[in-house]
Amino acid sequence: MNLINKLKAEWSPAVSVVSETPAQAKIDALADVLAELQKHGRVTLGMYSNKHSGWHCAVDMNIALNGCKFEIKSKGYDAPTPLQAAQECLENVQTAFSSIQGEI
């Protein structure tokens, strides 16, 4: 084995560990919440009003009834972050499921 091949075989680059910044953690948390919401239907998240300066999230829930629509939304159009709007929406989805299961 020549010297270059020997060095390549023995050399292992140092693995740098990059610590996650709070902003990256929020993005991951937002992605997790959106992925959970997406299991239930089509998710919309954005700033939709000129009157309000906040975020809003909604899910058009998957239902098997023709002519019916079931939409769950965040509390309003004024969530300070997209994560908060998505979390509010997910809480409302969970509350709706609990309510429906309690009535069955």
N, C-alpha and C. Protein backbone atom coordinates (compact mmCIF):
# COMPACT_ATOMS: atom_id res chain seq x y z
N MET A 1 0.85 -1.16 0.00
CA MET A 1 0.00 0.00 0.00
C MET A 1 0.90 1.24 0.00
N ASN A 2 0.63 2.13 -0.92
CA ASN A 2 1.46 3.32 -0.95
C ASN A 2 1.07 4.28 0.16
N LEU A 3 1.88 5.27 0.38
CA LEU A 3 1.72 6.19 1.50
C LEU A 3 0.39 6.94 1.43
N ILE A 4 -0.03 7.38 0.28
CA ILE A 4 -1.28 8.14 0.15
C ILE A 4 -2.48 7.27 0.53
N ASN A 5 -2.50 6.05 0.02
CA ASN A 5 -3.61 5.16 0.36
C ASN A 5 -3.62 4.83 1.84
N LYS A 6 -2.42 4.66 2.42
CA LYS A 6 -2.32 4.37 3.85
C LYS A 6 -2.85 5.54 4.67
N LEU A 7 -2.49 6.76 4.28
CA LEU A 7 -2.98 7.94 4.99
C LEU A 7 -4.49 8.07 4.85
N LYS A 8 -5.03 7.83 3.66
CA LYS A 8 -6.47 7.89 3.46
C LYS A 8 -7.18 6.87 4.34
N ALA A 9 -6.64 5.68 4.44
CA ALA A 9 -7.26 4.62 5.23
C ALA A 9 -7.22 4.93 6.72
N GLU A 10 -6.16 5.57 7.19
CA GLU A 10 -6.01 5.82 8.61
C GLU A 10 -6.60 7.16 9.05
N TRP A 11 -6.72 8.07 8.12
CA TRP A 11 -7.18 9.41 8.46
C TRP A 11 -8.69 9.41 8.62
N SER A 12 -9.16 9.92 9.71
CA SER A 12 -10.61 10.11 9.88
C SER A 12 -10.83 11.56 10.25
N PRO A 13 -11.61 12.26 9.49
CA PRO A 13 -11.81 13.68 9.78
C PRO A 13 -12.52 13.86 11.11
N ALA A 14 -12.18 14.94 11.77
CA ALA A 14 -12.83 15.26 13.03
C ALA A 14 -14.29 15.61 12.75
N VAL A 15 -15.15 15.11 13.57
CA VAL A 15 -16.57 15.40 13.41
C VAL A 15 -16.88 16.63 14.24
N SER A 16 -17.34 17.65 13.58
CA SER A 16 -17.67 18.87 14.33
C SER A 16 -19.13 18.79 14.76
N VAL A 17 -19.37 19.09 15.99
CA VAL A 17 -20.72 19.08 16.52
C VAL A 17 -21.20 20.52 16.55
N VAL A 18 -22.23 20.78 15.79
CA VAL A 18 -22.78 22.12 15.73
C VAL A 18 -23.96 22.17 16.69
N SER A 19 -23.89 23.08 17.62
CA SER A 19 -25.00 23.18 18.56
C SER A 19 -26.16 23.87 17.86
N GLU A 20 -27.34 23.46 18.24
CA GLU A 20 -28.54 23.99 17.63
C GLU A 20 -28.86 25.35 18.25
N THR A 21 -29.15 26.31 17.41
CA THR A 21 -29.52 27.63 17.91
C THR A 21 -31.00 27.61 18.29
N PRO A 22 -31.46 28.53 19.13
CA PRO A 22 -32.88 28.57 19.46
C PRO A 22 -33.77 28.73 18.23
N ALA A 23 -33.30 29.49 17.24
CA ALA A 23 -34.09 29.66 16.02
C ALA A 23 -34.25 28.34 15.28
N GLN A 24 -33.19 27.53 15.22
CA GLN A 24 -33.28 26.23 14.57
C GLN A 24 -34.21 25.31 15.35
N ALA A 25 -34.17 25.38 16.66
CA ALA A 25 -35.06 24.55 17.47
C ALA A 25 -36.51 24.92 17.21
N LYS A 26 -36.79 26.22 17.07
CA LYS A 26 -38.16 26.66 16.77
C LYS A 26 -38.60 26.15 15.41
N ILE A 27 -37.71 26.22 14.43
CA ILE A 27 -38.05 25.74 13.10
C ILE A 27 -38.38 24.26 13.15
N ASP A 28 -37.57 23.49 13.88
CA ASP A 28 -37.84 22.06 14.00
C ASP A 28 -39.17 21.82 14.70
N ALA A 29 -39.45 22.60 15.75
CA ALA A 29 -40.71 22.44 16.46
C ALA A 29 -41.88 22.82 15.56
N LEU A 30 -41.73 23.87 14.77
CA LEU A 30 -42.79 24.27 13.85
C LEU A 30 -43.00 23.17 12.82
N ALA A 31 -41.92 22.62 12.30
CA ALA A 31 -42.05 21.53 11.32
C ALA A 31 -42.77 20.34 11.94
N ASP A 32 -42.48 20.03 13.20
CA ASP A 32 -43.14 18.92 13.88
C ASP A 32 -44.64 19.17 14.04
N VAL A 33 -45.00 20.38 14.44
CA VAL A 33 -46.41 20.72 14.62
C VAL A 33 -47.14 20.68 13.28
N LEU A 34 -46.52 21.23 12.24
CA LEU A 34 -47.15 21.21 10.92
C LEU A 34 -47.29 19.78 10.39
N ALA A 35 -46.31 18.94 10.65
CA ALA A 35 -46.40 17.54 10.22
C ALA A 35 -47.55 16.83 10.93
N GLU A 36 -47.73 17.15 12.21
CA GLU A 36 -48.85 16.54 12.95
C GLU A 36 -50.19 17.04 12.40
N LEU A 37 -50.28 18.34 12.12
CA LEU A 37 -51.51 18.90 11.55
C LEU A 37 -51.80 18.31 10.18
N GLN A 38 -50.76 18.08 9.40
CA GLN A 38 -50.93 17.57 8.05
C GLN A 38 -51.53 16.16 8.04
N LYS A 39 -51.38 15.43 9.11
CA LYS A 39 -51.99 14.10 9.21
C LYS A 39 -53.52 14.17 9.16
N HIS A 40 -54.06 15.35 9.52
CA HIS A 40 -55.50 15.50 9.64
C HIS A 40 -56.14 16.22 8.45
N GLY A 41 -55.34 16.83 7.60
CA GLY A 41 -55.92 17.55 6.47
C GLY A 41 -54.94 18.51 5.82
N ARG A 42 -55.50 19.45 5.06
CA ARG A 42 -54.69 20.44 4.34
C ARG A 42 -54.47 21.64 5.25
N VAL A 43 -53.22 21.95 5.49
CA VAL A 43 -52.83 23.02 6.43
C VAL A 43 -52.54 24.30 5.67
N THR A 44 -53.03 25.41 6.22
CA THR A 44 -52.64 26.73 5.73
C THR A 44 -52.09 27.51 6.91
N LEU A 45 -51.02 28.24 6.67
CA LEU A 45 -50.37 29.03 7.71
C LEU A 45 -49.86 30.31 7.06
N GLY A 46 -50.24 31.44 7.60
CA GLY A 46 -49.75 32.68 7.02
C GLY A 46 -50.31 33.90 7.71
N MET A 47 -49.98 35.04 7.12
CA MET A 47 -50.51 36.33 7.56
C MET A 47 -51.47 36.78 6.45
N TYR A 48 -52.77 36.81 6.77
CA TYR A 48 -53.77 36.98 5.73
C TYR A 48 -54.53 38.29 5.76
N SER A 49 -54.30 39.12 6.74
CA SER A 49 -55.12 40.30 6.88
C SER A 49 -54.27 41.55 7.04
N ASN A 50 -54.75 42.62 6.44
CA ASN A 50 -54.08 43.91 6.63
C ASN A 50 -54.46 44.52 7.98
N LYS A 51 -55.61 44.12 8.53
CA LYS A 51 -56.08 44.64 9.81
C LYS A 51 -55.26 44.08 10.98
N HIS A 52 -54.80 42.85 10.83
CA HIS A 52 -54.10 42.17 11.91
C HIS A 52 -52.65 41.95 11.51
N SER A 53 -51.77 42.02 12.47
CA SER A 53 -50.34 41.88 12.15
C SER A 53 -49.79 40.53 12.59
N GLY A 54 -50.67 39.58 12.86
CA GLY A 54 -50.20 38.30 13.36
C GLY A 54 -50.43 37.14 12.41
N TRP A 55 -50.13 35.97 12.91
CA TRP A 55 -50.19 34.73 12.14
C TRP A 55 -51.50 33.99 12.40
N HIS A 56 -51.90 33.19 11.42
CA HIS A 56 -53.12 32.40 11.50
C HIS A 56 -52.84 31.02 10.90
N CYS A 57 -53.45 30.01 11.47
CA CYS A 57 -53.29 28.64 10.97
C CYS A 57 -54.66 27.99 10.90
N ALA A 58 -54.88 27.17 9.88
CA ALA A 58 -56.13 26.44 9.74
C ALA A 58 -55.86 25.09 9.09
N VAL A 59 -56.77 24.15 9.35
CA VAL A 59 -56.69 22.83 8.74
C VAL A 59 -58.06 22.50 8.16
N ASP A 60 -58.11 22.23 6.85
CA ASP A 60 -59.30 21.66 6.23
C ASP A 60 -59.22 20.17 6.49
N MET A 61 -60.01 19.72 7.46
CA MET A 61 -59.91 18.35 7.94
C MET A 61 -60.35 17.35 6.88
N ASN A 62 -59.70 16.21 6.86
CA ASN A 62 -60.07 15.12 5.97
C ASN A 62 -61.34 14.47 6.52
N ILE A 63 -62.42 14.56 5.76
CA ILE A 63 -63.66 13.87 6.15
C ILE A 63 -64.22 13.16 4.93
N ALA A 64 -64.99 12.13 5.16
CA ALA A 64 -65.48 11.30 4.07
C ALA A 64 -66.94 11.58 3.73
N LEU A 65 -67.45 12.75 4.03
CA LEU A 65 -68.83 13.09 3.72
C LEU A 65 -68.86 14.09 2.57
N ASN A 66 -69.60 13.76 1.53
CA ASN A 66 -69.73 14.68 0.40
C ASN A 66 -70.57 15.88 0.81
N GLY A 67 -70.13 17.06 0.40
CA GLY A 67 -70.87 18.28 0.68
C GLY A 67 -70.63 18.85 2.07
N CYS A 68 -69.71 18.28 2.81
CA CYS A 68 -69.43 18.76 4.16
C CYS A 68 -68.00 19.29 4.23
N LYS A 69 -67.83 20.29 5.07
CA LYS A 69 -66.50 20.84 5.30
C LYS A 69 -66.30 20.94 6.80
N PHE A 70 -65.14 20.54 7.24
CA PHE A 70 -64.79 20.61 8.66
C PHE A 70 -63.45 21.31 8.73
N GLU A 71 -63.46 22.54 9.22
CA GLU A 71 -62.24 23.35 9.29
C GLU A 71 -61.98 23.71 10.74
N ILE A 72 -60.74 23.55 11.15
CA ILE A 72 -60.32 23.93 12.49
C ILE A 72 -59.25 25.00 12.34
N LYS A 73 -59.37 26.06 13.16
CA LYS A 73 -58.48 27.21 13.02
C LYS A 73 -57.79 27.53 14.34
N SER A 74 -56.75 28.36 14.23
CA SER A 74 -56.15 28.94 15.43
C SER A 74 -57.14 29.98 15.96
N LYS A 75 -56.84 30.54 17.12
CA LYS A 75 -57.79 31.43 17.80
C LYS A 75 -58.13 32.68 17.01
N GLY A 76 -57.21 33.20 16.27
CA GLY A 76 -57.48 34.43 15.54
C GLY A 76 -56.39 34.69 14.51
N TYR A 77 -56.28 35.92 14.12
CA TYR A 77 -55.28 36.32 13.13
C TYR A 77 -54.17 37.13 13.78
N ASP A 78 -53.92 36.89 15.05
CA ASP A 78 -52.99 37.75 15.76
C ASP A 78 -51.93 36.99 16.56
N ALA A 79 -51.65 35.75 16.20
CA ALA A 79 -50.58 35.02 16.89
C ALA A 79 -49.25 35.69 16.57
N PRO A 80 -48.38 35.88 17.56
CA PRO A 80 -47.13 36.59 17.32
C PRO A 80 -46.11 35.82 16.47
N THR A 81 -46.22 34.49 16.44
CA THR A 81 -45.29 33.68 15.66
C THR A 81 -46.06 32.59 14.91
N PRO A 82 -45.49 32.09 13.82
CA PRO A 82 -46.15 30.99 13.11
C PRO A 82 -46.26 29.74 13.99
N LEU A 83 -45.27 29.52 14.85
CA LEU A 83 -45.30 28.36 15.74
C LEU A 83 -46.49 28.45 16.69
N GLN A 84 -46.73 29.62 17.26
CA GLN A 84 -47.85 29.76 18.18
C GLN A 84 -49.18 29.55 17.47
N ALA A 85 -49.32 30.07 16.27
CA ALA A 85 -50.56 29.86 15.51
C ALA A 85 -50.77 28.37 15.23
N ALA A 86 -49.71 27.68 14.84
CA ALA A 86 -49.82 26.25 14.54
C ALA A 86 -50.13 25.45 15.81
N GLN A 87 -49.52 25.83 16.93
CA GLN A 87 -49.79 25.13 18.20
C GLN A 87 -51.24 25.34 18.64
N GLU A 88 -51.75 26.56 18.47
CA GLU A 88 -53.15 26.83 18.81
C GLU A 88 -54.07 25.96 17.96
N CYS A 89 -53.76 25.85 16.70
CA CYS A 89 -54.57 25.05 15.79
C CYS A 89 -54.52 23.58 16.20
N LEU A 90 -53.34 23.08 16.51
CA LEU A 90 -53.21 21.69 16.93
C LEU A 90 -53.97 21.44 18.23
N GLU A 91 -53.92 22.37 19.17
CA GLU A 91 -54.70 22.23 20.41
C GLU A 91 -56.19 22.15 20.09
N ASN A 92 -56.66 22.96 19.14
CA ASN A 92 -58.06 22.94 18.75
C ASN A 92 -58.44 21.62 18.08
N VAL A 93 -57.53 21.05 17.29
CA VAL A 93 -57.76 19.74 16.68
C VAL A 93 -57.91 18.69 17.77
N GLN A 94 -57.00 18.70 18.73
CA GLN A 94 -57.03 17.72 19.82
C GLN A 94 -58.30 17.89 20.66
N THR A 95 -58.71 19.12 20.91
CA THR A 95 -59.94 19.38 21.66
C THR A 95 -61.16 18.87 20.89
N ALA A 96 -61.17 19.09 19.59
CA ALA A 96 -62.29 18.62 18.76
C ALA A 96 -62.37 17.10 18.80
N PHE A 97 -61.24 16.41 18.69
CA PHE A 97 -61.25 14.95 18.75
C PHE A 97 -61.74 14.46 20.11
N SER A 98 -61.30 15.10 21.18
CA SER A 98 -61.72 14.70 22.52
C SER A 98 -63.22 14.90 22.68
N SER A 99 -63.72 16.01 22.17
CA SER A 99 -65.15 16.32 22.26
C SER A 99 -65.97 15.31 21.47
N ILE A 100 -65.52 14.99 20.27
CA ILE A 100 -66.25 14.04 19.43
C ILE A 100 -66.23 12.65 20.06
N GLN A 101 -65.10 12.23 20.58
CA GLN A 101 -65.00 10.91 21.20
C GLN A 101 -65.86 10.83 22.45
N GLY A 102 -66.00 11.95 23.16
CA GLY A 102 -66.82 11.96 24.36
C GLY A 102 -68.29 11.83 24.06
N GLU A 103 -68.71 12.22 22.85
CA GLU A 103 -70.12 12.16 22.47
C GLU A 103 -70.52 10.85 21.83
N ILE A 104 -69.53 10.05 21.46
CA ILE A 104 -69.84 8.78 20.77
C ILE A 104 -70.11 7.70 21.78
